[in-house]
Amino acid sequence: MDYIRRIKDLREDSDYTQEYVAHILGTSQTMYARYERGANELPIRHLISLCRLYHVSSDYLLGLSDKK
């Protein structure tokens, strides 16, 4: 499983909207949707923010580990 699937799954499991997560990241909903579709690569600063938001490691989010 790659990070694109994981960020979507984590968002849905947390009952967050794309708009809410985009607000946390300081970006637009449109740009966040592009991250979830894989149309744009996720910047490192957003990766860090998502790890904090979901309380997971970067290895988990990137699909390098199954341990959160």
N, C-alpha and C. Protein backbone atom coordinates (compact mmCIF):
# COMPACT_ATOMS: atom_id res chain seq x y z
N MET A 1 0.85 -1.18 0.00
CA MET A 1 0.00 0.00 0.00
C MET A 1 0.89 1.24 0.00
N ASP A 2 0.62 2.18 -0.86
CA ASP A 2 1.44 3.37 -0.93
C ASP A 2 0.83 4.52 -0.13
N TYR A 3 1.56 5.61 -0.04
CA TYR A 3 1.10 6.72 0.81
C TYR A 3 -0.19 7.34 0.31
N ILE A 4 -0.45 7.29 -0.99
CA ILE A 4 -1.68 7.86 -1.53
C ILE A 4 -2.89 7.17 -0.92
N ARG A 5 -2.84 5.86 -0.89
CA ARG A 5 -3.95 5.09 -0.30
C ARG A 5 -4.02 5.31 1.22
N ARG A 6 -2.88 5.36 1.84
CA ARG A 6 -2.87 5.51 3.30
C ARG A 6 -3.42 6.85 3.74
N ILE A 7 -3.07 7.95 3.05
CA ILE A 7 -3.59 9.24 3.50
C ILE A 7 -5.10 9.32 3.32
N LYS A 8 -5.60 8.67 2.28
CA LYS A 8 -7.06 8.66 2.08
C LYS A 8 -7.73 7.79 3.14
N ASP A 9 -7.18 6.60 3.38
CA ASP A 9 -7.76 5.70 4.39
C ASP A 9 -7.75 6.33 5.78
N LEU A 10 -6.64 6.95 6.15
CA LEU A 10 -6.55 7.59 7.46
C LEU A 10 -7.57 8.73 7.59
N ARG A 11 -7.71 9.50 6.54
CA ARG A 11 -8.69 10.60 6.57
C ARG A 11 -10.10 10.06 6.72
N GLU A 12 -10.45 9.06 5.94
CA GLU A 12 -11.80 8.49 6.01
C GLU A 12 -12.05 7.81 7.35
N ASP A 13 -11.06 7.09 7.86
CA ASP A 13 -11.20 6.43 9.17
C ASP A 13 -11.39 7.44 10.29
N SER A 14 -10.85 8.63 10.12
CA SER A 14 -10.98 9.68 11.14
C SER A 14 -12.22 10.54 10.92
N ASP A 15 -12.98 10.25 9.88
CA ASP A 15 -14.17 11.03 9.52
C ASP A 15 -13.86 12.50 9.27
N TYR A 16 -12.70 12.75 8.65
CA TYR A 16 -12.31 14.10 8.27
C TYR A 16 -12.66 14.33 6.81
N THR A 17 -13.00 15.56 6.48
CA THR A 17 -13.21 15.92 5.09
C THR A 17 -11.88 16.35 4.48
N GLN A 18 -11.82 16.34 3.17
CA GLN A 18 -10.63 16.85 2.50
C GLN A 18 -10.44 18.32 2.85
N GLU A 19 -11.51 19.05 2.97
CA GLU A 19 -11.43 20.47 3.30
C GLU A 19 -10.79 20.68 4.68
N TYR A 20 -11.18 19.85 5.65
CA TYR A 20 -10.61 19.96 6.99
C TYR A 20 -9.11 19.68 6.98
N VAL A 21 -8.72 18.59 6.34
CA VAL A 21 -7.29 18.23 6.30
C VAL A 21 -6.51 19.30 5.55
N ALA A 22 -7.06 19.82 4.46
CA ALA A 22 -6.40 20.89 3.71
C ALA A 22 -6.19 22.11 4.61
N HIS A 23 -7.18 22.43 5.42
CA HIS A 23 -7.06 23.56 6.35
C HIS A 23 -5.91 23.33 7.34
N ILE A 24 -5.82 22.12 7.88
CA ILE A 24 -4.73 21.77 8.80
C ILE A 24 -3.37 21.95 8.11
N LEU A 25 -3.30 21.57 6.84
CA LEU A 25 -2.05 21.64 6.10
C LEU A 25 -1.75 23.05 5.59
N GLY A 26 -2.75 23.91 5.62
CA GLY A 26 -2.56 25.26 5.10
C GLY A 26 -2.56 25.32 3.59
N THR A 27 -3.37 24.47 2.98
CA THR A 27 -3.47 24.43 1.53
C THR A 27 -4.94 24.39 1.13
N SER A 28 -5.22 24.36 -0.14
CA SER A 28 -6.60 24.32 -0.60
C SER A 28 -7.12 22.89 -0.66
N GLN A 29 -8.42 22.74 -0.65
CA GLN A 29 -9.04 21.42 -0.76
C GLN A 29 -8.67 20.81 -2.11
N THR A 30 -8.62 21.64 -3.14
CA THR A 30 -8.27 21.16 -4.48
C THR A 30 -6.87 20.56 -4.50
N MET A 31 -5.94 21.26 -3.88
CA MET A 31 -4.56 20.74 -3.85
C MET A 31 -4.48 19.46 -3.03
N TYR A 32 -5.19 19.41 -1.90
CA TYR A 32 -5.16 18.19 -1.10
C TYR A 32 -5.76 17.02 -1.89
N ALA A 33 -6.83 17.27 -2.61
CA ALA A 33 -7.44 16.21 -3.43
C ALA A 33 -6.44 15.70 -4.46
N ARG A 34 -5.61 16.59 -4.98
CA ARG A 34 -4.57 16.17 -5.94
C ARG A 34 -3.54 15.27 -5.27
N TYR A 35 -3.25 15.52 -3.99
CA TYR A 35 -2.33 14.62 -3.26
C TYR A 35 -2.96 13.23 -3.14
N GLU A 36 -4.23 13.18 -2.80
CA GLU A 36 -4.91 11.88 -2.62
C GLU A 36 -5.04 11.11 -3.94
N ARG A 37 -5.11 11.82 -5.04
CA ARG A 37 -5.19 11.17 -6.35
C ARG A 37 -3.81 10.82 -6.92
N GLY A 38 -2.77 11.38 -6.32
CA GLY A 38 -1.42 11.14 -6.82
C GLY A 38 -1.04 12.07 -7.96
N ALA A 39 -1.85 13.10 -8.21
CA ALA A 39 -1.56 14.04 -9.28
C ALA A 39 -0.40 14.97 -8.89
N ASN A 40 -0.24 15.22 -7.59
CA ASN A 40 0.86 16.02 -7.06
C ASN A 40 1.52 15.23 -5.94
N GLU A 41 2.84 15.40 -5.82
CA GLU A 41 3.54 14.74 -4.72
C GLU A 41 3.35 15.54 -3.44
N LEU A 42 3.27 14.83 -2.35
CA LEU A 42 3.06 15.42 -1.04
C LEU A 42 4.37 16.03 -0.54
N PRO A 43 4.39 17.35 -0.25
CA PRO A 43 5.61 17.96 0.29
C PRO A 43 5.94 17.41 1.68
N ILE A 44 7.22 17.43 2.01
CA ILE A 44 7.68 16.91 3.30
C ILE A 44 6.96 17.60 4.46
N ARG A 45 6.76 18.92 4.37
CA ARG A 45 6.11 19.64 5.47
C ARG A 45 4.68 19.13 5.69
N HIS A 46 4.01 18.72 4.62
CA HIS A 46 2.67 18.17 4.75
C HIS A 46 2.71 16.75 5.29
N LEU A 47 3.72 16.00 4.91
CA LEU A 47 3.90 14.65 5.45
C LEU A 47 4.03 14.72 6.97
N ILE A 48 4.85 15.64 7.44
CA ILE A 48 5.05 15.79 8.88
C ILE A 48 3.74 16.17 9.57
N SER A 49 3.01 17.10 8.98
CA SER A 49 1.73 17.53 9.56
C SER A 49 0.71 16.39 9.60
N LEU A 50 0.69 15.57 8.55
CA LEU A 50 -0.24 14.44 8.53
C LEU A 50 0.14 13.40 9.59
N CYS A 51 1.42 13.16 9.77
CA CYS A 51 1.86 12.23 10.81
C CYS A 51 1.40 12.71 12.18
N ARG A 52 1.52 13.99 12.41
CA ARG A 52 1.06 14.56 13.69
C ARG A 52 -0.45 14.48 13.83
N LEU A 53 -1.15 14.80 12.77
CA LEU A 53 -2.62 14.78 12.79
C LEU A 53 -3.15 13.39 13.11
N TYR A 54 -2.58 12.38 12.47
CA TYR A 54 -3.09 11.00 12.62
C TYR A 54 -2.32 10.19 13.67
N HIS A 55 -1.29 10.77 14.27
CA HIS A 55 -0.49 10.08 15.29
C HIS A 55 0.11 8.78 14.75
N VAL A 56 0.72 8.90 13.58
CA VAL A 56 1.39 7.76 12.95
C VAL A 56 2.81 8.16 12.58
N SER A 57 3.64 7.16 12.34
CA SER A 57 5.01 7.44 11.92
C SER A 57 5.04 7.73 10.42
N SER A 58 6.10 8.39 9.99
CA SER A 58 6.26 8.65 8.55
C SER A 58 6.47 7.33 7.80
N ASP A 59 7.14 6.36 8.43
CA ASP A 59 7.31 5.05 7.79
C ASP A 59 5.96 4.41 7.51
N TYR A 60 5.04 4.52 8.46
CA TYR A 60 3.71 3.95 8.24
C TYR A 60 3.00 4.69 7.11
N LEU A 61 3.02 6.00 7.15
CA LEU A 61 2.31 6.78 6.15
C LEU A 61 2.86 6.53 4.75
N LEU A 62 4.16 6.33 4.66
CA LEU A 62 4.80 6.09 3.36
C LEU A 62 4.70 4.64 2.89
N GLY A 63 4.16 3.77 3.74
CA GLY A 63 4.02 2.37 3.36
C GLY A 63 5.26 1.54 3.57
N LEU A 64 6.22 2.08 4.34
CA LEU A 64 7.46 1.34 4.60
C LEU A 64 7.32 0.41 5.80
N SER A 65 6.26 0.62 6.58
CA SER A 65 6.01 -0.20 7.76
C SER A 65 4.52 -0.33 7.96
N ASP A 66 4.11 -1.43 8.55
CA ASP A 66 2.69 -1.60 8.88
C ASP A 66 2.42 -1.22 10.33
N LYS A 67 3.48 -0.81 11.05
CA LYS A 67 3.33 -0.40 12.44
C LYS A 67 3.08 1.10 12.49
N LYS A 68 1.94 1.48 13.06
CA LYS A 68 1.59 2.90 13.11
C LYS A 68 2.51 3.65 14.03
